[in-house]
Amino acid sequence: MRKLIIFVVNCQFCSFHVNCLNVYAH
């Protein structure tokens, strides 16, 4: 659950949301 929260927060600060999602998808 905490990883999901970190994932959301990091993506909010990520300049390239698509790249951010790809990184956390793998």
N, C-alpha and C. Protein backbone atom coordinates (compact mmCIF):
# COMPACT_ATOMS: atom_id res chain seq x y z
N MET A 1 0.84 -1.21 0.00
CA MET A 1 0.00 0.00 0.00
C MET A 1 0.87 1.25 0.00
N ARG A 2 1.92 1.23 0.82
CA ARG A 2 2.80 2.41 0.88
C ARG A 2 3.50 2.64 -0.44
N LYS A 3 3.84 1.55 -1.13
CA LYS A 3 4.50 1.68 -2.43
C LYS A 3 3.58 2.39 -3.42
N LEU A 4 2.29 2.13 -3.32
CA LEU A 4 1.33 2.78 -4.21
C LEU A 4 1.30 4.27 -3.95
N ILE A 5 1.33 4.66 -2.67
CA ILE A 5 1.33 6.08 -2.31
C ILE A 5 2.59 6.76 -2.84
N ILE A 6 3.73 6.11 -2.64
CA ILE A 6 5.00 6.66 -3.13
C ILE A 6 4.95 6.78 -4.65
N PHE A 7 4.37 5.80 -5.30
CA PHE A 7 4.23 5.80 -6.75
C PHE A 7 3.42 7.01 -7.21
N VAL A 8 2.33 7.28 -6.53
CA VAL A 8 1.47 8.41 -6.91
C VAL A 8 2.18 9.73 -6.69
N VAL A 9 2.83 9.88 -5.54
CA VAL A 9 3.53 11.13 -5.21
C VAL A 9 4.66 11.38 -6.20
N ASN A 10 5.45 10.34 -6.47
CA ASN A 10 6.57 10.49 -7.40
C ASN A 10 6.09 10.88 -8.78
N CYS A 11 5.00 10.30 -9.24
CA CYS A 11 4.49 10.61 -10.57
C CYS A 11 3.95 12.03 -10.64
N GLN A 12 3.48 12.54 -9.53
CA GLN A 12 2.99 13.92 -9.52
C GLN A 12 4.14 14.90 -9.72
N PHE A 13 5.33 14.52 -9.22
CA PHE A 13 6.50 15.39 -9.36
C PHE A 13 7.34 15.03 -10.58
N CYS A 14 6.89 13.97 -11.30
CA CYS A 14 7.66 13.53 -12.47
C CYS A 14 7.31 14.41 -13.67
N SER A 15 8.34 14.95 -14.34
CA SER A 15 8.10 15.85 -15.46
C SER A 15 7.49 15.07 -16.64
N PHE A 16 7.88 13.79 -16.76
CA PHE A 16 7.31 12.95 -17.83
C PHE A 16 6.51 11.83 -17.18
N HIS A 17 5.19 12.04 -17.07
CA HIS A 17 4.34 11.09 -16.35
C HIS A 17 4.37 9.71 -17.01
N VAL A 18 4.44 9.68 -18.32
CA VAL A 18 4.45 8.40 -19.02
C VAL A 18 5.70 7.62 -18.66
N ASN A 19 6.85 8.28 -18.67
CA ASN A 19 8.10 7.61 -18.31
C ASN A 19 8.06 7.16 -16.86
N CYS A 20 7.49 7.96 -16.01
CA CYS A 20 7.39 7.62 -14.59
C CYS A 20 6.56 6.36 -14.42
N LEU A 21 5.42 6.30 -15.11
CA LEU A 21 4.55 5.12 -15.01
C LEU A 21 5.26 3.89 -15.56
N ASN A 22 6.02 4.06 -16.64
CA ASN A 22 6.73 2.92 -17.23
C ASN A 22 7.77 2.38 -16.26
N VAL A 23 8.45 3.27 -15.56
CA VAL A 23 9.48 2.84 -14.60
C VAL A 23 8.85 2.02 -13.48
N TYR A 24 7.73 2.48 -12.95
CA TYR A 24 7.10 1.78 -11.83
C TYR A 24 6.32 0.55 -12.29
N ALA A 25 6.02 0.48 -13.58
CA ALA A 25 5.30 -0.68 -14.11
C ALA A 25 6.23 -1.89 -14.14
N HIS A 26 7.54 -1.65 -14.29
CA HIS A 26 8.51 -2.75 -14.35
C HIS A 26 9.17 -2.96 -13.00
